Full PDB file with SEQRES, HELIX, SHEET, SSBOND, CRYST1, ORIGX, SCALE, CONECT and MASTER records, all heavy atoms in Angstrom:
SEQRES   1 A   37  SER ILE LYS HIS ASP VAL ILE LEU THR ILE ARG THR ILE          
SEQRES   2 A   37  LEU ILE ALA THR PRO PHE PHE LEU ILE LEU PHE ILE PHE          
SEQRES   3 A   37  PHE PRO ARG PHE PRO PRO LEU TRP HIS VAL PRO                  
HELIX    1 AA1 ILE A    2  PHE A   26  1                                  25    
CRYST1    1.000    1.000    1.000  90.00  90.00  90.00 P 1           1          
ORIGX1      1.000000  0.000000  0.000000        0.00000                         
ORIGX2      0.000000  1.000000  0.000000        0.00000                         
ORIGX3      0.000000  0.000000  1.000000        0.00000                         
SCALE1      1.000000  0.000000  0.000000        0.00000                         
SCALE2      0.000000  1.000000  0.000000        0.00000                         
SCALE3      0.000000  0.000000  1.000000        0.00000                         
ATOM      1  N   SER A   1    -113.212-143.828 -23.700  1.00  0.00           N  
ATOM      2  CA  SER A   1    -113.358-143.747 -22.262  1.00  0.00           C  
ATOM      3  C   SER A   1    -114.709-144.304 -21.750  1.00  0.00           C  
ATOM      4  O   SER A   1    -114.895-144.423 -20.554  1.00  0.00           O  
ATOM      5  CB  SER A   1    -113.199-142.312 -21.795  1.00  0.00           C  
ATOM      6  OG  SER A   1    -114.216-141.503 -22.314  1.00  0.00           O  
ATOM      7  N   ILE A   2    -115.618-144.604 -22.678  1.00  0.00           N  
ATOM      8  CA  ILE A   2    -116.948-145.043 -22.265  1.00  0.00           C  
ATOM      9  C   ILE A   2    -116.880-146.369 -21.528  1.00  0.00           C  
ATOM     10  O   ILE A   2    -117.571-146.596 -20.546  1.00  0.00           O  
ATOM     11  CB  ILE A   2    -117.924-145.104 -23.458  1.00  0.00           C  
ATOM     12  CG1 ILE A   2    -119.358-145.330 -22.982  1.00  0.00           C  
ATOM     13  CG2 ILE A   2    -117.562-146.222 -24.410  1.00  0.00           C  
ATOM     14  CD1 ILE A   2    -120.014-144.086 -22.516  1.00  0.00           C  
ATOM     15  N   LYS A   3    -115.985-147.270 -21.964  1.00  0.00           N  
ATOM     16  CA  LYS A   3    -115.850-148.577 -21.309  1.00  0.00           C  
ATOM     17  C   LYS A   3    -115.381-148.388 -19.868  1.00  0.00           C  
ATOM     18  O   LYS A   3    -115.889-149.010 -18.931  1.00  0.00           O  
ATOM     19  CB  LYS A   3    -114.884-149.450 -22.072  1.00  0.00           C  
ATOM     20  CG  LYS A   3    -114.681-150.839 -21.491  1.00  0.00           C  
ATOM     21  CD  LYS A   3    -113.724-151.646 -22.328  1.00  0.00           C  
ATOM     22  CE  LYS A   3    -113.476-152.990 -21.699  1.00  0.00           C  
ATOM     23  NZ  LYS A   3    -112.502-153.793 -22.434  1.00  0.00           N  
ATOM     24  N   HIS A   4    -114.392-147.526 -19.680  1.00  0.00           N  
ATOM     25  CA  HIS A   4    -113.891-147.256 -18.332  1.00  0.00           C  
ATOM     26  C   HIS A   4    -114.990-146.662 -17.441  1.00  0.00           C  
ATOM     27  O   HIS A   4    -115.156-147.040 -16.279  1.00  0.00           O  
ATOM     28  CB  HIS A   4    -112.709-146.277 -18.413  1.00  0.00           C  
ATOM     29  CG  HIS A   4    -112.253-145.788 -17.090  1.00  0.00           C  
ATOM     30  ND1 HIS A   4    -112.675-144.593 -16.548  1.00  0.00           N  
ATOM     31  CD2 HIS A   4    -111.411-146.331 -16.172  1.00  0.00           C  
ATOM     32  CE1 HIS A   4    -112.139-144.421 -15.375  1.00  0.00           C  
ATOM     33  NE2 HIS A   4    -111.345-145.460 -15.126  1.00  0.00           N  
ATOM     34  N   ASP A   5    -115.790-145.718 -17.998  1.00  0.00           N  
ATOM     35  CA  ASP A   5    -116.852-145.085 -17.232  1.00  0.00           C  
ATOM     36  C   ASP A   5    -117.931-146.085 -16.843  1.00  0.00           C  
ATOM     37  O   ASP A   5    -118.458-146.042 -15.734  1.00  0.00           O  
ATOM     38  CB  ASP A   5    -117.473-143.937 -18.027  1.00  0.00           C  
ATOM     39  CG  ASP A   5    -116.509-142.783 -18.217  1.00  0.00           C  
ATOM     40  OD1 ASP A   5    -115.466-142.759 -17.542  1.00  0.00           O  
ATOM     41  OD2 ASP A   5    -116.799-141.889 -19.038  1.00  0.00           O  
ATOM     42  N   VAL A   6    -118.272-146.982 -17.772  1.00  0.00           N  
ATOM     43  CA  VAL A   6    -119.311-148.016 -17.476  1.00  0.00           C  
ATOM     44  C   VAL A   6    -118.831-148.921 -16.352  1.00  0.00           C  
ATOM     45  O   VAL A   6    -119.589-149.193 -15.396  1.00  0.00           O  
ATOM     46  CB  VAL A   6    -119.644-148.820 -18.743  1.00  0.00           C  
ATOM     47  CG1 VAL A   6    -120.487-150.071 -18.391  1.00  0.00           C  
ATOM     48  CG2 VAL A   6    -120.394-147.965 -19.752  1.00  0.00           C  
ATOM     49  N   ILE A   7    -117.593-149.373 -16.439  1.00  0.00           N  
ATOM     50  CA  ILE A   7    -117.058-150.261 -15.402  1.00  0.00           C  
ATOM     51  C   ILE A   7    -117.026-149.604 -14.050  1.00  0.00           C  
ATOM     52  O   ILE A   7    -117.455-150.152 -13.029  1.00  0.00           O  
ATOM     53  CB  ILE A   7    -115.661-150.763 -15.791  1.00  0.00           C  
ATOM     54  CG1 ILE A   7    -115.751-151.695 -17.020  1.00  0.00           C  
ATOM     55  CG2 ILE A   7    -114.959-151.466 -14.630  1.00  0.00           C  
ATOM     56  CD1 ILE A   7    -114.420-152.052 -17.620  1.00  0.00           C  
ATOM     57  N   LEU A   8    -116.565-148.327 -14.015  1.00  0.00           N  
ATOM     58  CA  LEU A   8    -116.477-147.607 -12.749  1.00  0.00           C  
ATOM     59  C   LEU A   8    -117.859-147.342 -12.158  1.00  0.00           C  
ATOM     60  O   LEU A   8    -118.072-147.478 -10.946  1.00  0.00           O  
ATOM     61  CB  LEU A   8    -115.731-146.303 -12.945  1.00  0.00           C  
ATOM     62  CG  LEU A   8    -115.363-145.548 -11.679  1.00  0.00           C  
ATOM     63  CD1 LEU A   8    -114.396-146.367 -10.833  1.00  0.00           C  
ATOM     64  CD2 LEU A   8    -114.756-144.197 -11.999  1.00  0.00           C  
ATOM     65  N   THR A   9    -118.838-146.993 -13.017  1.00  0.00           N  
ATOM     66  CA  THR A   9    -120.195-146.716 -12.541  1.00  0.00           C  
ATOM     67  C   THR A   9    -120.847-147.982 -12.005  1.00  0.00           C  
ATOM     68  O   THR A   9    -121.475-147.946 -10.937  1.00  0.00           O  
ATOM     69  CB  THR A   9    -121.037-146.113 -13.675  1.00  0.00           C  
ATOM     70  OG1 THR A   9    -120.375-144.945 -14.152  1.00  0.00           O  
ATOM     71  CG2 THR A   9    -122.411-145.756 -13.181  1.00  0.00           C  
ATOM     72  N   ILE A  10    -120.690-149.102 -12.713  1.00  0.00           N  
ATOM     73  CA  ILE A  10    -121.262-150.372 -12.243  1.00  0.00           C  
ATOM     74  C   ILE A  10    -120.611-150.776 -10.918  1.00  0.00           C  
ATOM     75  O   ILE A  10    -121.295-151.231  -9.997  1.00  0.00           O  
ATOM     76  CB  ILE A  10    -121.130-151.469 -13.310  1.00  0.00           C  
ATOM     77  CG1 ILE A  10    -122.060-151.151 -14.493  1.00  0.00           C  
ATOM     78  CG2 ILE A  10    -121.424-152.845 -12.747  1.00  0.00           C  
ATOM     79  CD1 ILE A  10    -121.900-152.086 -15.655  1.00  0.00           C  
ATOM     80  N   ARG A  11    -119.330-150.590 -10.787  1.00  0.00           N  
ATOM     81  CA  ARG A  11    -118.631-150.916  -9.549  1.00  0.00           C  
ATOM     82  C   ARG A  11    -119.188-150.082  -8.388  1.00  0.00           C  
ATOM     83  O   ARG A  11    -119.413-150.611  -7.293  1.00  0.00           O  
ATOM     84  CB  ARG A  11    -117.117-150.698  -9.708  1.00  0.00           C  
ATOM     85  CG  ARG A  11    -116.335-151.138  -8.505  1.00  0.00           C  
ATOM     86  CD  ARG A  11    -114.858-150.803  -8.640  1.00  0.00           C  
ATOM     87  NE  ARG A  11    -114.309-151.314  -9.876  1.00  0.00           N  
ATOM     88  CZ  ARG A  11    -113.207-150.850 -10.449  1.00  0.00           C  
ATOM     89  NH1 ARG A  11    -112.543-149.864  -9.901  1.00  0.00           N  
ATOM     90  NH2 ARG A  11    -112.776-151.384 -11.555  1.00  0.00           N  
ATOM     91  N   THR A  12    -119.393-148.815  -8.642  1.00  0.00           N  
ATOM     92  CA  THR A  12    -119.944-147.934  -7.583  1.00  0.00           C  
ATOM     93  C   THR A  12    -121.358-148.364  -7.185  1.00  0.00           C  
ATOM     94  O   THR A  12    -121.699-148.392  -5.997  1.00  0.00           O  
ATOM     95  CB  THR A  12    -119.982-146.462  -8.098  1.00  0.00           C  
ATOM     96  OG1 THR A  12    -118.664-146.106  -8.500  1.00  0.00           O  
ATOM     97  CG2 THR A  12    -120.435-145.542  -7.015  1.00  0.00           C  
ATOM     98  N   ILE A  13    -122.177-148.747  -8.177  1.00  0.00           N  
ATOM     99  CA  ILE A  13    -123.529-149.230  -7.880  1.00  0.00           C  
ATOM    100  C   ILE A  13    -123.485-150.487  -7.038  1.00  0.00           C  
ATOM    101  O   ILE A  13    -124.235-150.648  -6.081  1.00  0.00           O  
ATOM    102  CB  ILE A  13    -124.327-149.449  -9.198  1.00  0.00           C  
ATOM    103  CG1 ILE A  13    -124.608-148.129  -9.869  1.00  0.00           C  
ATOM    104  CG2 ILE A  13    -125.635-150.200  -8.913  1.00  0.00           C  
ATOM    105  CD1 ILE A  13    -125.181-148.257 -11.269  1.00  0.00           C  
ATOM    106  N   LEU A  14    -122.588-151.416  -7.391  1.00  0.00           N  
ATOM    107  CA  LEU A  14    -122.470-152.673  -6.643  1.00  0.00           C  
ATOM    108  C   LEU A  14    -122.020-152.424  -5.201  1.00  0.00           C  
ATOM    109  O   LEU A  14    -122.463-153.099  -4.261  1.00  0.00           O  
ATOM    110  CB  LEU A  14    -121.472-153.631  -7.330  1.00  0.00           C  
ATOM    111  CG  LEU A  14    -122.007-154.198  -8.675  1.00  0.00           C  
ATOM    112  CD1 LEU A  14    -120.897-155.052  -9.328  1.00  0.00           C  
ATOM    113  CD2 LEU A  14    -123.257-155.013  -8.472  1.00  0.00           C  
ATOM    114  N   ILE A  15    -121.140-151.437  -5.022  1.00  0.00           N  
ATOM    115  CA  ILE A  15    -120.693-151.108  -3.664  1.00  0.00           C  
ATOM    116  C   ILE A  15    -121.854-150.532  -2.833  1.00  0.00           C  
ATOM    117  O   ILE A  15    -122.012-150.778  -1.647  1.00  0.00           O  
ATOM    118  CB  ILE A  15    -119.492-150.122  -3.693  1.00  0.00           C  
ATOM    119  CG1 ILE A  15    -118.258-150.847  -4.242  1.00  0.00           C  
ATOM    120  CG2 ILE A  15    -119.192-149.547  -2.320  1.00  0.00           C  
ATOM    121  CD1 ILE A  15    -117.106-149.928  -4.559  1.00  0.00           C  
ATOM    122  N   ALA A  16    -122.707-149.703  -3.495  1.00  0.00           N  
ATOM    123  CA  ALA A  16    -123.793-149.037  -2.806  1.00  0.00           C  
ATOM    124  C   ALA A  16    -125.011-149.964  -2.552  1.00  0.00           C  
ATOM    125  O   ALA A  16    -125.805-149.717  -1.652  1.00  0.00           O  
ATOM    126  CB  ALA A  16    -124.255-147.833  -3.590  1.00  0.00           C  
ATOM    127  N   THR A  17    -125.140-151.058  -3.315  1.00  0.00           N  
ATOM    128  CA  THR A  17    -126.325-151.922  -3.224  1.00  0.00           C  
ATOM    129  C   THR A  17    -126.571-152.485  -1.831  1.00  0.00           C  
ATOM    130  O   THR A  17    -127.702-152.458  -1.352  1.00  0.00           O  
ATOM    131  CB  THR A  17    -126.226-153.040  -4.270  1.00  0.00           C  
ATOM    132  OG1 THR A  17    -126.171-152.468  -5.569  1.00  0.00           O  
ATOM    133  CG2 THR A  17    -127.425-153.986  -4.168  1.00  0.00           C  
ATOM    134  N   PRO A  18    -125.558-153.016  -1.115  1.00  0.00           N  
ATOM    135  CA  PRO A  18    -125.823-153.523   0.242  1.00  0.00           C  
ATOM    136  C   PRO A  18    -126.397-152.483   1.195  1.00  0.00           C  
ATOM    137  O   PRO A  18    -127.296-152.780   2.003  1.00  0.00           O  
ATOM    138  CB  PRO A  18    -124.448-153.981   0.729  1.00  0.00           C  
ATOM    139  CG  PRO A  18    -123.663-154.244  -0.486  1.00  0.00           C  
ATOM    140  CD  PRO A  18    -124.159-153.267  -1.503  1.00  0.00           C  
ATOM    141  N   PHE A  19    -125.977-151.234   1.056  1.00  0.00           N  
ATOM    142  CA  PHE A  19    -126.517-150.184   1.935  1.00  0.00           C  
ATOM    143  C   PHE A  19    -127.981-149.908   1.612  1.00  0.00           C  
ATOM    144  O   PHE A  19    -128.784-149.714   2.520  1.00  0.00           O  
ATOM    145  CB  PHE A  19    -125.674-148.900   1.766  1.00  0.00           C  
ATOM    146  CG  PHE A  19    -124.269-149.064   2.192  1.00  0.00           C  
ATOM    147  CD1 PHE A  19    -123.234-149.188   1.265  1.00  0.00           C  
ATOM    148  CD2 PHE A  19    -123.920-149.148   3.559  1.00  0.00           C  
ATOM    149  CE1 PHE A  19    -121.952-149.367   1.655  1.00  0.00           C  
ATOM    150  CE2 PHE A  19    -122.609-149.326   3.960  1.00  0.00           C  
ATOM    151  CZ  PHE A  19    -121.603-149.439   3.011  1.00  0.00           C  
ATOM    152  N   PHE A  20    -128.344-149.940   0.322  1.00  0.00           N  
ATOM    153  CA  PHE A  20    -129.754-149.753  -0.059  1.00  0.00           C  
ATOM    154  C   PHE A  20    -130.602-150.904   0.456  1.00  0.00           C  
ATOM    155  O   PHE A  20    -131.727-150.698   0.911  1.00  0.00           O  
ATOM    156  CB  PHE A  20    -129.873-149.635  -1.582  1.00  0.00           C  
ATOM    157  CG  PHE A  20    -129.415-148.331  -2.129  1.00  0.00           C  
ATOM    158  CD1 PHE A  20    -128.407-148.264  -3.047  1.00  0.00           C  
ATOM    159  CD2 PHE A  20    -130.031-147.150  -1.722  1.00  0.00           C  
ATOM    160  CE1 PHE A  20    -127.976-147.042  -3.562  1.00  0.00           C  
ATOM    161  CE2 PHE A  20    -129.606-145.917  -2.214  1.00  0.00           C  
ATOM    162  CZ  PHE A  20    -128.587-145.878  -3.130  1.00  0.00           C  
ATOM    163  N   LEU A  21    -130.073-152.127   0.405  1.00  0.00           N  
ATOM    164  CA  LEU A  21    -130.832-153.288   0.907  1.00  0.00           C  
ATOM    165  C   LEU A  21    -131.025-153.176   2.423  1.00  0.00           C  
ATOM    166  O   LEU A  21    -132.127-153.475   2.917  1.00  0.00           O  
ATOM    167  CB  LEU A  21    -130.075-154.560   0.557  1.00  0.00           C  
ATOM    168  CG  LEU A  21    -130.076-154.958  -0.919  1.00  0.00           C  
ATOM    169  CD1 LEU A  21    -129.220-156.175  -1.165  1.00  0.00           C  
ATOM    170  CD2 LEU A  21    -131.498-155.170  -1.440  1.00  0.00           C  
ATOM    171  N   ILE A  22    -130.012-152.743   3.149  1.00  0.00           N  
ATOM    172  CA  ILE A  22    -130.127-152.581   4.604  1.00  0.00           C  
ATOM    173  C   ILE A  22    -131.189-151.527   4.912  1.00  0.00           C  
ATOM    174  O   ILE A  22    -132.028-151.716   5.797  1.00  0.00           O  
ATOM    175  CB  ILE A  22    -128.762-152.247   5.214  1.00  0.00           C  
ATOM    176  CG1 ILE A  22    -127.822-153.452   5.163  1.00  0.00           C  
ATOM    177  CG2 ILE A  22    -128.901-151.754   6.668  1.00  0.00           C  
ATOM    178  CD1 ILE A  22    -126.390-153.153   5.492  1.00  0.00           C  
ATOM    179  N   LEU A  23    -131.157-150.404   4.203  1.00  0.00           N  
ATOM    180  CA  LEU A  23    -132.150-149.362   4.429  1.00  0.00           C  
ATOM    181  C   LEU A  23    -133.552-149.863   4.085  1.00  0.00           C  
ATOM    182  O   LEU A  23    -134.508-149.553   4.798  1.00  0.00           O  
ATOM    183  CB  LEU A  23    -131.807-148.134   3.561  1.00  0.00           C  
ATOM    184  CG  LEU A  23    -130.676-147.255   4.070  1.00  0.00           C  
ATOM    185  CD1 LEU A  23    -130.353-146.182   3.048  1.00  0.00           C  
ATOM    186  CD2 LEU A  23    -131.012-146.625   5.405  1.00  0.00           C  
ATOM    187  N   PHE A  24    -133.669-150.636   3.010  1.00  0.00           N  
ATOM    188  CA  PHE A  24    -134.987-151.154   2.597  1.00  0.00           C  
ATOM    189  C   PHE A  24    -135.559-152.098   3.674  1.00  0.00           C  
ATOM    190  O   PHE A  24    -136.743-152.078   3.970  1.00  0.00           O  
ATOM    191  CB  PHE A  24    -134.853-151.884   1.279  1.00  0.00           C  
ATOM    192  CG  PHE A  24    -136.157-152.495   0.806  1.00  0.00           C  
ATOM    193  CD1 PHE A  24    -137.152-151.677   0.266  1.00  0.00           C  
ATOM    194  CD2 PHE A  24    -136.376-153.850   0.934  1.00  0.00           C  
ATOM    195  CE1 PHE A  24    -138.331-152.244  -0.178  1.00  0.00           C  
ATOM    196  CE2 PHE A  24    -137.594-154.405   0.511  1.00  0.00           C  
ATOM    197  CZ  PHE A  24    -138.561-153.589  -0.046  1.00  0.00           C  
ATOM    198  N   ILE A  25    -134.708-152.903   4.246  1.00  0.00           N  
ATOM    199  CA  ILE A  25    -135.189-153.912   5.220  1.00  0.00           C  
ATOM    200  C   ILE A  25    -135.476-153.268   6.575  1.00  0.00           C  
ATOM    201  O   ILE A  25    -136.492-153.550   7.214  1.00  0.00           O  
ATOM    202  CB  ILE A  25    -134.149-155.045   5.373  1.00  0.00           C  
ATOM    203  CG1 ILE A  25    -134.049-155.838   4.058  1.00  0.00           C  
ATOM    204  CG2 ILE A  25    -134.483-155.951   6.545  1.00  0.00           C  
ATOM    205  CD1 ILE A  25    -132.918-156.807   4.004  1.00  0.00           C  
ATOM    206  N   PHE A  26    -134.612-152.359   7.054  1.00  0.00           N  
ATOM    207  CA  PHE A  26    -134.721-151.876   8.425  1.00  0.00           C  
ATOM    208  C   PHE A  26    -135.349-150.526   8.595  1.00  0.00           C  
ATOM    209  O   PHE A  26    -135.703-150.135   9.697  1.00  0.00           O  
ATOM    210  CB  PHE A  26    -133.313-151.853   9.069  1.00  0.00           C  
ATOM    211  CG  PHE A  26    -132.733-153.236   9.234  1.00  0.00           C  
ATOM    212  CD1 PHE A  26    -131.673-153.633   8.447  1.00  0.00           C  
ATOM    213  CD2 PHE A  26    -133.260-154.132  10.144  1.00  0.00           C  
ATOM    214  CE1 PHE A  26    -131.146-154.903   8.568  1.00  0.00           C  
ATOM    215  CE2 PHE A  26    -132.736-155.412  10.283  1.00  0.00           C  
ATOM    216  CZ  PHE A  26    -131.673-155.794   9.485  1.00  0.00           C  
ATOM    217  N   PHE A  27    -135.476-149.750   7.489  1.00  0.00           N  
ATOM    218  CA  PHE A  27    -136.095-148.434   7.622  1.00  0.00           C  
ATOM    219  C   PHE A  27    -137.593-148.572   7.777  1.00  0.00           C  
ATOM    220  O   PHE A  27    -138.228-149.363   7.046  1.00  0.00           O  
ATOM    221  CB  PHE A  27    -135.767-147.560   6.389  1.00  0.00           C  
ATOM    222  CG  PHE A  27    -135.968-146.108   6.627  1.00  0.00           C  
ATOM    223  CD1 PHE A  27    -134.999-145.367   7.310  1.00  0.00           C  
ATOM    224  CD2 PHE A  27    -137.093-145.452   6.175  1.00  0.00           C  
ATOM    225  CE1 PHE A  27    -135.180-144.006   7.518  1.00  0.00           C  
ATOM    226  CE2 PHE A  27    -137.299-144.116   6.368  1.00  0.00           C  
ATOM    227  CZ  PHE A  27    -136.319-143.399   7.065  1.00  0.00           C  
ATOM    228  N   PRO A  28    -138.239-147.849   8.720  1.00  0.00           N  
ATOM    229  CA  PRO A  28    -139.685-148.001   8.891  1.00  0.00           C  
ATOM    230  C   PRO A  28    -140.466-147.557   7.671  1.00  0.00           C  
ATOM    231  O   PRO A  28    -140.066-146.631   6.958  1.00  0.00           O  
ATOM    232  CB  PRO A  28    -139.985-147.087  10.098  1.00  0.00           C  
ATOM    233  CG  PRO A  28    -138.859-146.165  10.177  1.00  0.00           C  
ATOM    234  CD  PRO A  28    -137.661-146.880   9.627  1.00  0.00           C  
ATOM    235  N   ARG A  29    -141.557-148.252   7.401  1.00  0.00           N  
ATOM    236  CA  ARG A  29    -142.382-147.938   6.242  1.00  0.00           C  
ATOM    237  C   ARG A  29    -143.523-147.003   6.620  1.00  0.00           C  
ATOM    238  O   ARG A  29    -144.268-147.269   7.551  1.00  0.00           O  
ATOM    239  CB  ARG A  29    -142.939-149.217   5.648  1.00  0.00           C  
ATOM    240  CG  ARG A  29    -141.774-150.123   5.200  1.00  0.00           C  
ATOM    241  CD  ARG A  29    -142.119-151.042   4.164  1.00  0.00           C  
ATOM    242  NE  ARG A  29    -141.098-151.880   3.600  1.00  0.00           N  
ATOM    243  CZ  ARG A  29    -140.082-152.469   4.149  1.00  0.00           C  
ATOM    244  NH1 ARG A  29    -139.794-152.273   5.422  1.00  0.00           N  
ATOM    245  NH2 ARG A  29    -139.291-153.261   3.457  1.00  0.00           N  
ATOM    246  N   PHE A  30    -143.635-145.904   5.857  1.00  0.00           N  
ATOM    247  CA  PHE A  30    -144.679-144.943   6.097  1.00  0.00           C  
ATOM    248  C   PHE A  30    -145.712-145.066   5.008  1.00  0.00           C  
ATOM    249  O   PHE A  30    -145.418-145.467   3.880  1.00  0.00           O  
ATOM    250  CB  PHE A  30    -144.111-143.523   6.102  1.00  0.00           C  
ATOM    251  CG  PHE A  30    -143.087-143.284   7.190  1.00  0.00           C  
ATOM    252  CD1 PHE A  30    -141.730-143.206   6.854  1.00  0.00           C  
ATOM    253  CD2 PHE A  30    -143.446-143.233   8.507  1.00  0.00           C  
ATOM    254  CE1 PHE A  30    -140.782-142.996   7.837  1.00  0.00           C  
ATOM    255  CE2 PHE A  30    -142.507-143.034   9.508  1.00  0.00           C  
ATOM    256  CZ  PHE A  30    -141.171-142.929   9.181  1.00  0.00           C  
ATOM    257  N   PRO A  31    -146.980-144.657   5.269  1.00  0.00           N  
ATOM    258  CA  PRO A  31    -147.963-144.671   4.191  1.00  0.00           C  
ATOM    259  C   PRO A  31    -147.591-143.640   3.122  1.00  0.00           C  
ATOM    260  O   PRO A  31    -146.893-142.675   3.415  1.00  0.00           O  
ATOM    261  CB  PRO A  31    -149.264-144.303   4.897  1.00  0.00           C  
ATOM    262  CG  PRO A  31    -148.841-143.607   6.161  1.00  0.00           C  
ATOM    263  CD  PRO A  31    -147.530-144.220   6.538  1.00  0.00           C  
ATOM    264  N   PRO A  32    -147.989-143.865   1.880  1.00  0.00           N  
ATOM    265  CA  PRO A  32    -147.604-142.930   0.813  1.00  0.00           C  
ATOM    266  C   PRO A  32    -148.188-141.520   1.054  1.00  0.00           C  
ATOM    267  O   PRO A  32    -149.299-141.395   1.553  1.00  0.00           O  
ATOM    268  CB  PRO A  32    -148.191-143.583  -0.443  1.00  0.00           C  
ATOM    269  CG  PRO A  32    -149.248-144.491   0.027  1.00  0.00           C  
ATOM    270  CD  PRO A  32    -148.840-144.951   1.393  1.00  0.00           C  
ATOM    271  N   LEU A  33    -147.400-140.520   0.643  1.00  0.00           N  
ATOM    272  CA  LEU A  33    -147.863-139.144   0.786  1.00  0.00           C  
ATOM    273  C   LEU A  33    -148.908-138.807  -0.267  1.00  0.00           C  
ATOM    274  O   LEU A  33    -149.681-137.881  -0.107  1.00  0.00           O  
ATOM    275  CB  LEU A  33    -146.686-138.181   0.666  1.00  0.00           C  
ATOM    276  CG  LEU A  33    -145.594-138.364   1.739  1.00  0.00           C  
ATOM    277  CD1 LEU A  33    -144.424-137.446   1.448  1.00  0.00           C  
ATOM    278  CD2 LEU A  33    -146.150-138.101   3.118  1.00  0.00           C  
ATOM    279  N   TRP A  34    -148.934-139.550  -1.338  1.00  0.00           N  
ATOM    280  CA  TRP A  34    -149.923-139.342  -2.429  1.00  0.00           C  
ATOM    281  C   TRP A  34    -150.083-140.682  -3.140  1.00  0.00           C  
ATOM    282  O   TRP A  34    -149.302-141.590  -2.939  1.00  0.00           O  
ATOM    283  CB  TRP A  34    -149.490-138.253  -3.380  1.00  0.00           C  
ATOM    284  CG  TRP A  34    -148.283-138.639  -4.190  1.00  0.00           C  
ATOM    285  CD1 TRP A  34    -148.280-139.294  -5.387  1.00  0.00           C  
ATOM    286  CD2 TRP A  34    -146.928-138.406  -3.870  1.00  0.00           C  
ATOM    287  NE1 TRP A  34    -146.983-139.492  -5.802  1.00  0.00           N  
ATOM    288  CE2 TRP A  34    -146.121-138.948  -4.903  1.00  0.00           C  
ATOM    289  CE3 TRP A  34    -146.297-137.771  -2.776  1.00  0.00           C  
ATOM    290  CZ2 TRP A  34    -144.742-138.881  -4.875  1.00  0.00           C  
ATOM    291  CZ3 TRP A  34    -144.910-137.721  -2.784  1.00  0.00           C  
ATOM    292  CH2 TRP A  34    -144.167-138.274  -3.825  1.00  0.00           C  
ATOM    293  N   HIS A  35    -151.093-140.812  -3.954  1.00  0.00           N  
ATOM    294  CA  HIS A  35    -151.237-142.024  -4.733  1.00  0.00           C  
ATOM    295  C   HIS A  35    -151.350-141.630  -6.214  1.00  0.00           C  
ATOM    296  O   HIS A  35    -151.795-140.542  -6.545  1.00  0.00           O  
ATOM    297  CB  HIS A  35    -152.431-142.854  -4.278  1.00  0.00           C  
ATOM    298  CG  HIS A  35    -153.758-142.378  -4.805  1.00  0.00           C  
ATOM    299  ND1 HIS A  35    -154.444-141.305  -4.260  1.00  0.00           N  
ATOM    300  CD2 HIS A  35    -154.514-142.846  -5.834  1.00  0.00           C  
ATOM    301  CE1 HIS A  35    -155.559-141.126  -4.936  1.00  0.00           C  
ATOM    302  NE2 HIS A  35    -155.642-142.020  -5.901  1.00  0.00           N  
ATOM    303  N   VAL A  36    -150.911-142.560  -7.053  1.00  0.00           N  
ATOM    304  CA  VAL A  36    -150.943-142.313  -8.497  1.00  0.00           C  
ATOM    305  C   VAL A  36    -152.307-142.749  -9.035  1.00  0.00           C  
ATOM    306  O   VAL A  36    -152.734-143.896  -8.811  1.00  0.00           O  
ATOM    307  CB  VAL A  36    -149.831-143.120  -9.209  1.00  0.00           C  
ATOM    308  CG1 VAL A  36    -149.934-142.947 -10.708  1.00  0.00           C  
ATOM    309  CG2 VAL A  36    -148.473-142.727  -8.684  1.00  0.00           C  
ATOM    310  N   PRO A  37    -153.040-141.859  -9.696  1.00  0.00           N  
ATOM    311  CA  PRO A  37    -154.355-142.233 -10.236  1.00  0.00           C  
ATOM    312  C   PRO A  37    -154.223-143.198 -11.400  1.00  0.00           C  
ATOM    313  O   PRO A  37    -153.635-142.856 -12.420  1.00  0.00           O  
ATOM    314  CB  PRO A  37    -154.959-140.903 -10.677  1.00  0.00           C  
ATOM    315  CG  PRO A  37    -153.777-140.036 -10.952  1.00  0.00           C  
ATOM    316  CD  PRO A  37    -152.678-140.479 -10.017  1.00  0.00           C  
TER     317      PRO A  37                                                      
MASTER        0    0    0    1    0    0    0    6  316    1    0    3          
END                                                                             
């Protein structure tokens, strides 16, 4: 079943990718709440 799970998971990621890109482009950018030393 691992092959089926990999295909389904990759398909779900590909479907979600355009929404992440839209949020990345249009969501306002805030300064970081903390910085990594």
